[in-house]
Amino acid sequence: MPAKRSDRVGALLQAAIAELLLRDIKDPRIGMVTVTGVELSVDLKHARIFVSVLGDAAARERSLRGLASARAYLQSQVGKRLGLRFTPELRFALDPSFDAAARVEHLLRELHPSADTTVPATADTGTGAVPATAPAAASHPGGASTAAAPQPAGATGRRGRAPGGVDRDGDT
């Protein structure tokens, strides 16, 4: 099923605003801000930009005030970059999903206070992660390790010419 136009324009809007915040906006009130999502109306006239801000509540409020004061500049630059007939009216809001996730984690910790909440990496998850309990290298009873020592790039352990055309063993 093809994506709706508002979703596609929202993704472009998110990327454009993130780049503008990174490169063009120099307001000291705007701290470490991450654009986490864009909610665009069906008619593409209104956009709610969700941001997360690193810091305490005062830093969040300061950043939101800075974003509100930069709104007109951001809106004009987004209009130029995206080339839309109408530039959406931008409104900035804190992303509630991070607070909700922190609340759920807090509730889970209250239910199981002694349980470890970190999930160990396992090899069967399909992510390619190595289990945390896997030995680094097997060793012989005499103490010698069977793990191969790291070799420089291009070294294959074979005689003859190296990948760069250099004669390794000097016989030719």
N, C-alpha and C. Protein backbone atom coordinates (compact mmCIF):
# COMPACT_ATOMS: atom_id res chain seq x y z
N MET A 1 0.84 -1.16 0.00
CA MET A 1 0.00 0.00 0.00
C MET A 1 0.89 1.23 0.00
N PRO A 2 0.70 2.16 -0.94
CA PRO A 2 1.55 3.34 -1.01
C PRO A 2 1.30 4.26 0.19
N ALA A 3 2.36 4.97 0.55
CA ALA A 3 2.27 5.88 1.68
C ALA A 3 1.44 7.11 1.30
N LYS A 4 0.79 7.69 2.28
CA LYS A 4 0.01 8.90 2.04
C LYS A 4 0.96 10.06 1.77
N ARG A 5 0.48 11.03 1.02
CA ARG A 5 1.31 12.18 0.69
C ARG A 5 1.72 12.94 1.95
N SER A 6 0.83 13.03 2.93
CA SER A 6 1.18 13.75 4.16
C SER A 6 2.33 13.06 4.89
N ASP A 7 2.41 11.72 4.81
CA ASP A 7 3.53 11.01 5.43
C ASP A 7 4.84 11.30 4.72
N ARG A 8 4.79 11.31 3.38
CA ARG A 8 6.00 11.58 2.61
C ARG A 8 6.49 13.01 2.84
N VAL A 9 5.58 13.97 2.80
CA VAL A 9 5.94 15.36 3.03
C VAL A 9 6.42 15.54 4.47
N GLY A 10 5.81 14.84 5.41
CA GLY A 10 6.23 14.90 6.80
C GLY A 10 7.66 14.43 6.99
N ALA A 11 8.04 13.36 6.30
CA ALA A 11 9.41 12.87 6.39
C ALA A 11 10.39 13.89 5.80
N LEU A 12 10.03 14.50 4.68
CA LEU A 12 10.89 15.54 4.10
C LEU A 12 10.99 16.75 5.01
N LEU A 13 9.87 17.11 5.62
CA LEU A 13 9.84 18.23 6.54
C LEU A 13 10.72 17.96 7.76
N GLN A 14 10.65 16.76 8.28
CA GLN A 14 11.47 16.38 9.44
C GLN A 14 12.95 16.49 9.11
N ALA A 15 13.36 15.98 7.95
CA ALA A 15 14.77 16.03 7.56
C ALA A 15 15.22 17.48 7.34
N ALA A 16 14.40 18.30 6.72
CA ALA A 16 14.77 19.69 6.46
C ALA A 16 14.91 20.47 7.76
N ILE A 17 13.98 20.29 8.69
CA ILE A 17 14.05 21.02 9.95
C ILE A 17 15.25 20.55 10.78
N ALA A 18 15.51 19.26 10.77
CA ALA A 18 16.66 18.74 11.52
C ALA A 18 17.96 19.35 10.98
N GLU A 19 18.08 19.44 9.67
CA GLU A 19 19.29 20.02 9.09
C GLU A 19 19.39 21.51 9.39
N LEU A 20 18.27 22.22 9.31
CA LEU A 20 18.29 23.65 9.63
C LEU A 20 18.68 23.88 11.08
N LEU A 21 18.16 23.06 11.99
CA LEU A 21 18.52 23.22 13.40
C LEU A 21 20.00 22.92 13.62
N LEU A 22 20.52 21.99 12.88
CA LEU A 22 21.92 21.61 13.04
C LEU A 22 22.87 22.66 12.47
N ARG A 23 22.53 23.21 11.31
CA ARG A 23 23.47 24.07 10.59
C ARG A 23 23.19 25.57 10.67
N ASP A 24 21.93 25.98 10.70
CA ASP A 24 21.61 27.40 10.53
C ASP A 24 21.20 28.12 11.81
N ILE A 25 20.52 27.47 12.70
CA ILE A 25 19.99 28.13 13.90
C ILE A 25 21.10 28.26 14.94
N LYS A 26 21.34 29.49 15.37
CA LYS A 26 22.42 29.74 16.33
C LYS A 26 21.89 30.28 17.66
N ASP A 27 20.61 30.13 17.91
CA ASP A 27 19.99 30.63 19.14
C ASP A 27 20.55 29.85 20.33
N PRO A 28 21.14 30.52 21.32
CA PRO A 28 21.70 29.79 22.47
C PRO A 28 20.64 29.12 23.34
N ARG A 29 19.38 29.54 23.21
CA ARG A 29 18.32 28.90 24.00
C ARG A 29 18.03 27.49 23.52
N ILE A 30 18.28 27.25 22.25
CA ILE A 30 18.01 25.93 21.67
C ILE A 30 19.21 25.05 21.96
N GLY A 31 19.02 24.11 22.86
CA GLY A 31 20.10 23.22 23.26
C GLY A 31 20.18 22.01 22.35
N MET A 32 20.37 20.85 22.96
CA MET A 32 20.47 19.59 22.23
C MET A 32 19.06 19.13 21.87
N VAL A 33 18.59 19.51 20.69
CA VAL A 33 17.24 19.22 20.24
C VAL A 33 17.30 18.18 19.14
N THR A 34 16.44 17.18 19.23
CA THR A 34 16.30 16.16 18.21
C THR A 34 14.87 16.17 17.70
N VAL A 35 14.72 16.25 16.39
CA VAL A 35 13.39 16.19 15.78
C VAL A 35 13.01 14.71 15.70
N THR A 36 12.00 14.33 16.45
CA THR A 36 11.63 12.91 16.53
C THR A 36 10.46 12.53 15.64
N GLY A 37 9.68 13.50 15.21
CA GLY A 37 8.55 13.17 14.36
C GLY A 37 7.81 14.41 13.90
N VAL A 38 7.00 14.21 12.88
CA VAL A 38 6.18 15.29 12.33
C VAL A 38 4.79 14.76 12.12
N GLU A 39 3.80 15.49 12.61
CA GLU A 39 2.40 15.16 12.40
C GLU A 39 1.83 16.24 11.49
N LEU A 40 1.45 15.87 10.29
CA LEU A 40 1.01 16.82 9.29
C LEU A 40 -0.47 16.64 9.03
N SER A 41 -1.19 17.75 8.90
CA SER A 41 -2.62 17.65 8.59
C SER A 41 -2.80 17.13 7.17
N VAL A 42 -3.99 16.65 6.87
CA VAL A 42 -4.27 16.06 5.57
C VAL A 42 -4.11 17.09 4.45
N ASP A 43 -4.48 18.35 4.73
CA ASP A 43 -4.36 19.39 3.71
C ASP A 43 -2.97 20.02 3.66
N LEU A 44 -2.04 19.53 4.46
CA LEU A 44 -0.64 19.97 4.51
C LEU A 44 -0.47 21.43 4.92
N LYS A 45 -1.42 21.97 5.64
CA LYS A 45 -1.35 23.37 6.06
C LYS A 45 -0.81 23.54 7.48
N HIS A 46 -0.89 22.49 8.30
CA HIS A 46 -0.44 22.58 9.69
C HIS A 46 0.46 21.39 10.00
N ALA A 47 1.56 21.70 10.68
CA ALA A 47 2.51 20.64 11.06
C ALA A 47 2.87 20.79 12.52
N ARG A 48 2.78 19.69 13.24
CA ARG A 48 3.24 19.66 14.62
C ARG A 48 4.57 18.90 14.61
N ILE A 49 5.62 19.58 15.02
CA ILE A 49 6.96 19.02 15.02
C ILE A 49 7.26 18.55 16.44
N PHE A 50 7.50 17.25 16.59
CA PHE A 50 7.82 16.69 17.90
C PHE A 50 9.32 16.67 18.08
N VAL A 51 9.77 17.18 19.22
CA VAL A 51 11.19 17.26 19.52
C VAL A 51 11.46 16.65 20.88
N SER A 52 12.66 16.15 21.04
CA SER A 52 13.14 15.75 22.36
C SER A 52 14.33 16.64 22.68
N VAL A 53 14.43 17.02 23.94
CA VAL A 53 15.46 17.95 24.37
C VAL A 53 16.24 17.31 25.50
N LEU A 54 17.55 17.35 25.38
CA LEU A 54 18.41 16.83 26.43
C LEU A 54 18.50 17.86 27.55
N GLY A 55 18.20 17.45 28.76
CA GLY A 55 18.29 18.35 29.89
C GLY A 55 17.07 18.27 30.78
N ASP A 56 17.02 19.19 31.72
CA ASP A 56 15.91 19.20 32.68
C ASP A 56 14.72 19.96 32.11
N ALA A 57 13.71 20.16 32.93
CA ALA A 57 12.47 20.83 32.49
C ALA A 57 12.74 22.27 32.07
N ALA A 58 13.64 22.95 32.77
CA ALA A 58 13.95 24.34 32.42
C ALA A 58 14.62 24.40 31.04
N ALA A 59 15.50 23.46 30.74
CA ALA A 59 16.15 23.42 29.42
C ALA A 59 15.13 23.12 28.33
N ARG A 60 14.17 22.27 28.64
CA ARG A 60 13.12 21.96 27.65
C ARG A 60 12.29 23.20 27.33
N GLU A 61 11.89 23.92 28.37
CA GLU A 61 11.09 25.13 28.16
C GLU A 61 11.88 26.19 27.41
N ARG A 62 13.16 26.34 27.77
CA ARG A 62 14.02 27.30 27.08
C ARG A 62 14.15 26.95 25.60
N SER A 63 14.33 25.68 25.30
CA SER A 63 14.46 25.24 23.91
C SER A 63 13.16 25.45 23.15
N LEU A 64 12.03 25.17 23.78
CA LEU A 64 10.74 25.39 23.11
C LEU A 64 10.51 26.87 22.81
N ARG A 65 10.92 27.75 23.74
CA ARG A 65 10.79 29.19 23.48
C ARG A 65 11.70 29.61 22.34
N GLY A 66 12.92 29.06 22.29
CA GLY A 66 13.83 29.37 21.18
C GLY A 66 13.30 28.87 19.84
N LEU A 67 12.71 27.68 19.84
CA LEU A 67 12.12 27.15 18.61
C LEU A 67 10.93 27.98 18.16
N ALA A 68 10.14 28.43 19.12
CA ALA A 68 8.98 29.27 18.78
C ALA A 68 9.43 30.60 18.17
N SER A 69 10.53 31.15 18.67
CA SER A 69 11.00 32.42 18.11
C SER A 69 11.65 32.22 16.75
N ALA A 70 12.18 31.04 16.46
CA ALA A 70 12.80 30.75 15.17
C ALA A 70 11.79 30.18 14.17
N ARG A 71 10.54 30.06 14.58
CA ARG A 71 9.53 29.42 13.75
C ARG A 71 9.37 30.06 12.38
N ALA A 72 9.30 31.38 12.31
CA ALA A 72 9.10 32.06 11.03
C ALA A 72 10.27 31.81 10.08
N TYR A 73 11.49 31.89 10.61
CA TYR A 73 12.66 31.62 9.78
C TYR A 73 12.66 30.18 9.29
N LEU A 74 12.40 29.25 10.20
CA LEU A 74 12.36 27.83 9.82
C LEU A 74 11.29 27.57 8.77
N GLN A 75 10.14 28.18 8.96
CA GLN A 75 9.04 27.98 8.03
C GLN A 75 9.39 28.50 6.63
N SER A 76 10.03 29.66 6.57
CA SER A 76 10.40 30.21 5.25
C SER A 76 11.48 29.35 4.59
N GLN A 77 12.45 28.89 5.36
CA GLN A 77 13.51 28.05 4.80
C GLN A 77 12.98 26.69 4.34
N VAL A 78 12.07 26.13 5.11
CA VAL A 78 11.46 24.85 4.72
C VAL A 78 10.68 25.02 3.42
N GLY A 79 9.96 26.13 3.31
CA GLY A 79 9.21 26.40 2.09
C GLY A 79 10.12 26.49 0.87
N LYS A 80 11.26 27.13 1.02
CA LYS A 80 12.22 27.24 -0.09
C LYS A 80 12.82 25.88 -0.44
N ARG A 81 13.14 25.08 0.57
CA ARG A 81 13.80 23.79 0.33
C ARG A 81 12.85 22.75 -0.27
N LEU A 82 11.61 22.72 0.21
CA LEU A 82 10.69 21.68 -0.25
C LEU A 82 9.93 22.07 -1.50
N GLY A 83 9.80 23.34 -1.77
CA GLY A 83 9.10 23.78 -2.96
C GLY A 83 7.62 23.45 -2.99
N LEU A 84 6.98 23.51 -1.84
CA LEU A 84 5.54 23.26 -1.77
C LEU A 84 4.76 24.51 -2.13
N ARG A 85 3.55 24.34 -2.60
CA ARG A 85 2.70 25.48 -2.92
C ARG A 85 2.39 26.26 -1.64
N PHE A 86 2.04 25.55 -0.59
CA PHE A 86 1.79 26.17 0.71
C PHE A 86 2.76 25.56 1.71
N THR A 87 3.42 26.42 2.46
CA THR A 87 4.31 25.95 3.51
C THR A 87 3.47 25.70 4.76
N PRO A 88 3.61 24.54 5.36
CA PRO A 88 2.81 24.27 6.57
C PRO A 88 3.18 25.20 7.71
N GLU A 89 2.19 25.54 8.51
CA GLU A 89 2.43 26.33 9.71
C GLU A 89 3.05 25.41 10.75
N LEU A 90 4.22 25.77 11.24
CA LEU A 90 4.97 24.90 12.15
C LEU A 90 4.60 25.21 13.60
N ARG A 91 4.38 24.16 14.37
CA ARG A 91 4.18 24.24 15.81
C ARG A 91 5.06 23.18 16.45
N PHE A 92 5.82 23.58 17.46
CA PHE A 92 6.75 22.66 18.12
C PHE A 92 6.16 22.16 19.42
N ALA A 93 6.38 20.87 19.68
CA ALA A 93 5.89 20.25 20.91
C ALA A 93 6.90 19.21 21.38
N LEU A 94 6.95 19.01 22.68
CA LEU A 94 7.81 17.96 23.23
C LEU A 94 7.22 16.60 22.89
N ASP A 95 8.08 15.67 22.55
CA ASP A 95 7.63 14.32 22.20
C ASP A 95 7.23 13.59 23.48
N PRO A 96 5.97 13.19 23.60
CA PRO A 96 5.52 12.53 24.83
C PRO A 96 5.95 11.07 24.93
N SER A 97 6.44 10.48 23.86
CA SER A 97 6.77 9.06 23.89
C SER A 97 7.92 8.74 24.83
N PHE A 98 8.87 9.67 24.99
CA PHE A 98 9.99 9.41 25.88
C PHE A 98 9.55 9.41 27.34
N ASP A 99 8.66 10.32 27.70
CA ASP A 99 8.14 10.34 29.06
C ASP A 99 7.29 9.09 29.33
N ALA A 100 6.52 8.68 28.34
CA ALA A 100 5.70 7.48 28.51
C ALA A 100 6.58 6.24 28.66
N ALA A 101 7.65 6.16 27.89
CA ALA A 101 8.56 5.02 27.99
C ALA A 101 9.25 4.99 29.36
N ALA A 102 9.65 6.15 29.85
CA ALA A 102 10.28 6.22 31.17
C ALA A 102 9.28 5.81 32.26
N ARG A 103 8.02 6.21 32.10
CA ARG A 103 7.00 5.84 33.09
C ARG A 103 6.75 4.34 33.09
N VAL A 104 6.67 3.73 31.90
CA VAL A 104 6.47 2.29 31.81
C VAL A 104 7.64 1.55 32.43
N GLU A 105 8.86 2.01 32.14
CA GLU A 105 10.04 1.37 32.72
C GLU A 105 10.03 1.48 34.24
N HIS A 106 9.63 2.65 34.76
CA HIS A 106 9.55 2.84 36.20
C HIS A 106 8.52 1.89 36.82
N LEU A 107 7.37 1.74 36.17
CA LEU A 107 6.34 0.83 36.68
C LEU A 107 6.81 -0.62 36.65
N LEU A 108 7.52 -0.99 35.60
CA LEU A 108 8.04 -2.36 35.53
C LEU A 108 9.08 -2.62 36.62
N ARG A 109 9.89 -1.62 36.90
CA ARG A 109 10.88 -1.78 37.98
C ARG A 109 10.20 -1.91 39.33
N GLU A 110 9.07 -1.23 39.52
CA GLU A 110 8.33 -1.36 40.77
C GLU A 110 7.73 -2.75 40.92
N LEU A 111 7.27 -3.33 39.80
CA LEU A 111 6.69 -4.67 39.85
C LEU A 111 7.74 -5.73 40.14
N HIS A 112 8.91 -5.61 39.54
CA HIS A 112 9.99 -6.58 39.70
C HIS A 112 11.26 -5.85 40.12
N PRO A 113 11.36 -5.47 41.39
CA PRO A 113 12.53 -4.69 41.81
C PRO A 113 13.83 -5.47 41.78
N SER A 114 13.78 -6.79 41.97
CA SER A 114 15.03 -7.55 42.00
C SER A 114 15.44 -8.07 40.63
N ALA A 115 14.55 -8.01 39.66
CA ALA A 115 14.86 -8.53 38.33
C ALA A 115 15.78 -7.56 37.61
N ASP A 116 16.74 -8.13 36.88
CA ASP A 116 17.65 -7.34 36.07
C ASP A 116 16.91 -6.93 34.81
N THR A 117 16.87 -5.63 34.50
CA THR A 117 16.10 -5.17 33.34
C THR A 117 16.92 -5.15 32.07
N THR A 118 18.24 -5.39 32.16
CA THR A 118 19.03 -5.41 30.94
C THR A 118 18.87 -6.75 30.26
N VAL A 119 18.78 -6.72 28.95
CA VAL A 119 18.59 -7.93 28.17
C VAL A 119 19.94 -8.33 27.61
N PRO A 120 20.43 -9.53 27.94
CA PRO A 120 21.73 -9.94 27.40
C PRO A 120 21.64 -10.24 25.92
N ALA A 121 22.73 -10.00 25.22
CA ALA A 121 22.78 -10.29 23.79
C ALA A 121 22.89 -11.79 23.59
N THR A 122 22.12 -12.32 22.66
CA THR A 122 22.19 -13.74 22.36
C THR A 122 22.43 -13.92 20.88
N ALA A 123 22.99 -15.06 20.51
CA ALA A 123 23.33 -15.31 19.12
C ALA A 123 22.11 -15.67 18.29
N ASP A 124 21.02 -16.10 18.91
CA ASP A 124 19.87 -16.56 18.15
C ASP A 124 18.84 -15.47 17.89
N THR A 125 19.17 -14.20 18.13
CA THR A 125 18.21 -13.13 17.89
C THR A 125 18.20 -12.68 16.46
N GLY A 126 19.16 -13.13 15.67
CA GLY A 126 19.20 -12.73 14.28
C GLY A 126 19.91 -11.41 14.08
N THR A 127 20.46 -10.83 15.15
CA THR A 127 21.14 -9.55 15.03
C THR A 127 22.63 -9.73 14.82
N GLY A 128 23.15 -10.93 14.93
CA GLY A 128 24.58 -11.15 14.76
C GLY A 128 25.35 -10.90 16.03
N ALA A 129 24.67 -10.70 17.14
CA ALA A 129 25.35 -10.44 18.40
C ALA A 129 25.90 -11.74 18.96
N VAL A 130 27.04 -11.65 19.62
CA VAL A 130 27.67 -12.81 20.23
C VAL A 130 27.18 -12.90 21.67
N PRO A 131 26.87 -14.10 22.14
CA PRO A 131 26.42 -14.23 23.52
C PRO A 131 27.47 -13.71 24.49
N ALA A 132 27.01 -13.14 25.59
CA ALA A 132 27.93 -12.56 26.56
C ALA A 132 28.76 -13.63 27.26
N THR A 133 28.30 -14.88 27.29
CA THR A 133 29.02 -15.93 27.98
C THR A 133 29.93 -16.73 27.06
N ALA A 134 30.02 -16.38 25.79
CA ALA A 134 30.85 -17.13 24.85
C ALA A 134 32.31 -16.86 25.15
N PRO A 135 33.14 -17.93 25.17
CA PRO A 135 34.56 -17.73 25.43
C PRO A 135 35.22 -17.02 24.25
N ALA A 136 36.23 -16.20 24.54
CA ALA A 136 36.91 -15.45 23.50
C ALA A 136 37.71 -16.39 22.61
N ALA A 137 38.42 -17.37 23.18
CA ALA A 137 39.19 -18.33 22.39
C ALA A 137 39.35 -19.60 23.20
N ALA A 138 39.28 -20.73 22.53
CA ALA A 138 39.49 -22.00 23.22
C ALA A 138 41.00 -22.19 23.42
N SER A 139 41.38 -22.85 24.49
CA SER A 139 42.81 -23.06 24.72
C SER A 139 43.08 -24.54 24.91
N HIS A 140 44.30 -24.92 24.56
CA HIS A 140 44.75 -26.29 24.75
C HIS A 140 45.12 -26.50 26.20
N PRO A 141 45.22 -27.76 26.64
CA PRO A 141 45.59 -28.02 28.03
C PRO A 141 46.95 -27.43 28.40
N GLY A 142 47.83 -27.28 27.44
CA GLY A 142 49.16 -26.72 27.72
C GLY A 142 49.13 -25.21 27.90
N GLY A 143 48.00 -24.58 27.69
CA GLY A 143 47.89 -23.15 27.89
C GLY A 143 47.97 -22.35 26.60
N ALA A 144 48.28 -22.99 25.48
CA ALA A 144 48.36 -22.25 24.22
C ALA A 144 46.96 -22.04 23.67
N SER A 145 46.74 -20.89 23.15
CA SER A 145 45.42 -20.54 22.62
C SER A 145 45.32 -20.98 21.17
N THR A 146 44.10 -21.37 20.75
CA THR A 146 43.88 -21.76 19.36
C THR A 146 43.43 -20.58 18.53
N ALA A 147 43.22 -19.42 19.15
CA ALA A 147 42.78 -18.25 18.40
C ALA A 147 43.95 -17.71 17.59
N ALA A 148 43.69 -17.36 16.35
CA ALA A 148 44.74 -16.84 15.50
C ALA A 148 45.04 -15.39 15.87
N ALA A 149 46.30 -15.03 15.75
CA ALA A 149 46.70 -13.66 16.02
C ALA A 149 46.22 -12.78 14.87
N PRO A 150 45.87 -11.55 15.15
CA PRO A 150 45.41 -10.67 14.07
C PRO A 150 46.52 -10.42 13.08
N GLN A 151 46.17 -10.43 11.78
CA GLN A 151 47.14 -10.20 10.73
C GLN A 151 46.87 -8.87 10.07
N PRO A 152 47.91 -8.25 9.50
CA PRO A 152 47.67 -6.98 8.81
C PRO A 152 46.79 -7.18 7.59
N ALA A 153 46.18 -6.11 7.15
CA ALA A 153 45.29 -6.18 6.00
C ALA A 153 46.03 -6.69 4.78
N GLY A 154 45.43 -7.61 4.07
CA GLY A 154 46.02 -8.16 2.87
C GLY A 154 46.87 -9.38 3.11
N ALA A 155 47.23 -9.68 4.34
CA ALA A 155 48.05 -10.85 4.63
C ALA A 155 47.16 -12.07 4.72
N THR A 156 47.44 -13.06 3.90
CA THR A 156 46.60 -14.25 3.88
C THR A 156 47.30 -15.47 4.43
N GLY A 157 48.60 -15.37 4.71
CA GLY A 157 49.33 -16.51 5.23
C GLY A 157 49.82 -17.43 4.12
N ARG A 158 49.59 -17.10 2.87
CA ARG A 158 50.03 -17.91 1.75
C ARG A 158 51.30 -17.32 1.16
N ARG A 159 52.06 -18.17 0.51
CA ARG A 159 53.27 -17.70 -0.16
C ARG A 159 52.91 -17.08 -1.50
N GLY A 160 53.78 -16.32 -2.04
CA GLY A 160 53.55 -15.73 -3.35
C GLY A 160 53.38 -14.24 -3.25
N ARG A 161 52.63 -13.69 -4.15
CA ARG A 161 52.47 -12.24 -4.21
C ARG A 161 51.28 -11.80 -3.34
N ALA A 162 51.47 -10.70 -2.64
CA ALA A 162 50.42 -10.09 -1.84
C ALA A 162 49.45 -9.39 -2.78
N PRO A 163 48.29 -9.00 -2.30
CA PRO A 163 47.31 -8.34 -3.17
C PRO A 163 47.85 -7.10 -3.87
N GLY A 164 48.82 -6.42 -3.29
CA GLY A 164 49.38 -5.22 -3.91
C GLY A 164 50.44 -5.53 -4.94
N GLY A 165 50.74 -6.81 -5.23
CA GLY A 165 51.74 -7.17 -6.20
C GLY A 165 53.14 -7.29 -5.62
N VAL A 166 53.28 -7.19 -4.30
CA VAL A 166 54.59 -7.28 -3.65
C VAL A 166 54.91 -8.74 -3.39
N ASP A 167 56.16 -9.14 -3.71
CA ASP A 167 56.60 -10.51 -3.51
C ASP A 167 56.94 -10.70 -2.04
N ARG A 168 56.19 -11.58 -1.34
CA ARG A 168 56.39 -11.78 0.09
C ARG A 168 57.58 -12.65 0.42
N ASP A 169 57.77 -13.72 -0.33
CA ASP A 169 58.79 -14.66 0.08
C ASP A 169 60.10 -14.49 -0.67
N GLY A 170 60.17 -13.60 -1.63
CA GLY A 170 61.42 -13.26 -2.29
C GLY A 170 61.91 -14.28 -3.30
N ASP A 171 61.13 -15.29 -3.70
CA ASP A 171 61.61 -16.30 -4.63
C ASP A 171 61.44 -15.90 -6.08
N THR A 172 60.72 -14.85 -6.37
CA THR A 172 60.56 -14.43 -7.76
C THR A 172 60.94 -13.00 -7.98
